[in-house]
Structures are given as structure tokens and as C-alpha cells.
Amino acid sequence: MMKIKEIRSLTTKELKAKLNDLTTELFNLRFSHATGNLPNNMQLHVVKKDIAKVKTILRERELKEGVEV
């Protein structure tokens, strides 16, 4: 699980890349879960929370800059 301080220290470009990676990871976890190969279901929860944190920080930056990204 990522800490908010870690996320805030990343640049916007890095955050977008991280969001892309997390989305891919979530897809793979969902696929594993559907096939019954996911040993720890909490991984889904953790990745969803990390995605929400990254999206929140990106949105805060958009509002602060006053520009839609």
C-alpha cells in the first residue's frame, strides 16, 4: 500500500504512469480472481485504494492549476 506522502512526492507524469500500472495490475488481479488463482483477496482492495489515492492527488493538482489535464 502506498503512503500519501510517497504519492505527493511524485510528478504528475509519474503519477499518470503509476495509475496506468495500477490499472493493469488490477485487471490482472481480477482475472486471477475470476479463475480462482488469487491466493490473497486483499490485494484487490489494496490496489483499488492506491488507484483512488493517485486519482485524488491528480484531481487536486488539476484544481490547483485551474487547468483540465
C-alpha atoms as a PDB file:
ATOM      1  CA  MET A   1       0.000   0.000   0.000  1.00  0.00           C
ATOM      2  CA  MET A   2       1.358   3.394  -0.984  1.00  0.00           C
ATOM      3  CA  LYS A   3       1.542   6.229   1.504  1.00  0.00           C
ATOM      4  CA  ILE A   4       0.082   9.634   0.614  1.00  0.00           C
ATOM      5  CA  LYS A   5       3.485  11.285   1.178  1.00  0.00           C
ATOM      6  CA  GLU A   6       5.026   8.950  -1.392  1.00  0.00           C
ATOM      7  CA  ILE A   7       2.303   9.766  -3.899  1.00  0.00           C
ATOM      8  CA  ARG A   8       2.534  13.516  -3.366  1.00  0.00           C
ATOM      9  CA  SER A   9       6.304  13.412  -3.956  1.00  0.00           C
ATOM     10  CA  LEU A  10       5.799  12.075  -7.496  1.00  0.00           C
ATOM     11  CA  THR A  11       5.470  14.350 -10.513  1.00  0.00           C
ATOM     12  CA  THR A  12       2.230  14.478 -12.477  1.00  0.00           C
ATOM     13  CA  LYS A  13       3.799  12.477 -15.304  1.00  0.00           C
ATOM     14  CA  GLU A  14       4.972   9.810 -12.852  1.00  0.00           C
ATOM     15  CA  LEU A  15       1.506   9.714 -11.272  1.00  0.00           C
ATOM     16  CA  LYS A  16      -0.121   9.076 -14.639  1.00  0.00           C
ATOM     17  CA  ALA A  17       2.351   6.266 -15.318  1.00  0.00           C
ATOM     18  CA  LYS A  18       1.700   4.822 -11.841  1.00  0.00           C
ATOM     19  CA  LEU A  19      -2.066   4.987 -12.461  1.00  0.00           C
ATOM     20  CA  ASN A  20      -1.605   3.085 -15.714  1.00  0.00           C
ATOM     21  CA  ASP A  21       0.492   0.429 -13.937  1.00  0.00           C
ATOM     22  CA  LEU A  22      -2.039   0.084 -11.110  1.00  0.00           C
ATOM     23  CA  THR A  23      -4.928  -0.238 -13.569  1.00  0.00           C
ATOM     24  CA  THR A  24      -3.079  -3.018 -15.396  1.00  0.00           C
ATOM     25  CA  GLU A  25      -2.324  -4.723 -12.084  1.00  0.00           C
ATOM     26  CA  LEU A  26      -5.990  -4.507 -11.065  1.00  0.00           C
ATOM     27  CA  PHE A  27      -7.034  -6.100 -14.355  1.00  0.00           C
ATOM     28  CA  ASN A  28      -4.588  -8.956 -13.814  1.00  0.00           C
ATOM     29  CA  LEU A  29      -5.753  -9.441 -10.220  1.00  0.00           C
ATOM     30  CA  ARG A  30      -9.400  -9.525 -11.300  1.00  0.00           C
ATOM     31  CA  PHE A  31      -8.551 -12.080 -13.960  1.00  0.00           C
ATOM     32  CA  SER A  32      -6.711 -14.227 -11.405  1.00  0.00           C
ATOM     33  CA  HIS A  33      -9.629 -13.903  -9.002  1.00  0.00           C
ATOM     34  CA  ALA A  34     -12.121 -14.964 -11.667  1.00  0.00           C
ATOM     35  CA  THR A  35     -10.095 -18.066 -12.497  1.00  0.00           C
ATOM     36  CA  GLY A  36      -9.637 -18.929  -8.827  1.00  0.00           C
ATOM     37  CA  ASN A  37      -5.871 -18.410  -8.775  1.00  0.00           C
ATOM     38  CA  LEU A  38      -5.741 -15.423  -6.426  1.00  0.00           C
ATOM     39  CA  PRO A  39      -4.362 -16.539  -3.049  1.00  0.00           C
ATOM     40  CA  ASN A  40      -4.911 -13.224  -1.237  1.00  0.00           C
ATOM     41  CA  ASN A  41      -8.140 -11.341  -1.966  1.00  0.00           C
ATOM     42  CA  MET A  42      -6.892  -8.298  -0.021  1.00  0.00           C
ATOM     43  CA  GLN A  43      -4.610  -7.485  -2.958  1.00  0.00           C
ATOM     44  CA  LEU A  44      -7.684  -6.322  -4.887  1.00  0.00           C
ATOM     45  CA  HIS A  45      -8.660  -3.989  -2.057  1.00  0.00           C
ATOM     46  CA  VAL A  46      -5.141  -2.542  -1.710  1.00  0.00           C
ATOM     47  CA  VAL A  47      -4.766  -1.847  -5.434  1.00  0.00           C
ATOM     48  CA  LYS A  48      -8.209  -0.198  -5.604  1.00  0.00           C
ATOM     49  CA  LYS A  49      -7.273   2.068  -2.677  1.00  0.00           C
ATOM     50  CA  ASP A  50      -3.956   3.001  -4.328  1.00  0.00           C
ATOM     51  CA  ILE A  51      -5.773   3.868  -7.572  1.00  0.00           C
ATOM     52  CA  ALA A  52      -8.176   6.089  -5.627  1.00  0.00           C
ATOM     53  CA  LYS A  53      -5.288   7.864  -3.882  1.00  0.00           C
ATOM     54  CA  VAL A  54      -3.458   8.533  -7.143  1.00  0.00           C
ATOM     55  CA  LYS A  55      -6.632   9.818  -8.821  1.00  0.00           C
ATOM     56  CA  THR A  56      -7.337  12.072  -5.843  1.00  0.00           C
ATOM     57  CA  ILE A  57      -3.873  13.656  -5.973  1.00  0.00           C
ATOM     58  CA  LEU A  58      -4.128  14.129  -9.747  1.00  0.00           C
ATOM     59  CA  ARG A  59      -7.503  15.841  -9.339  1.00  0.00           C
ATOM     60  CA  GLU A  60      -6.174  18.087  -6.563  1.00  0.00           C
ATOM     61  CA  ARG A  61      -3.375  19.185  -8.866  1.00  0.00           C
ATOM     62  CA  GLU A  62      -5.823  19.873 -11.689  1.00  0.00           C
ATOM     63  CA  LEU A  63      -7.914  22.080  -9.443  1.00  0.00           C
ATOM     64  CA  LYS A  64      -4.876  23.860  -8.041  1.00  0.00           C
ATOM     65  CA  GLU A  65      -3.573  24.649 -11.531  1.00  0.00           C
ATOM     66  CA  GLY A  66      -7.035  25.548 -12.786  1.00  0.00           C
ATOM     67  CA  VAL A  67      -6.407  23.538 -15.947  1.00  0.00           C
ATOM     68  CA  GLU A  68      -8.084  20.354 -17.059  1.00  0.00           C
ATOM     69  CA  VAL A  69      -5.457  17.710 -17.770  1.00  0.00           C
END
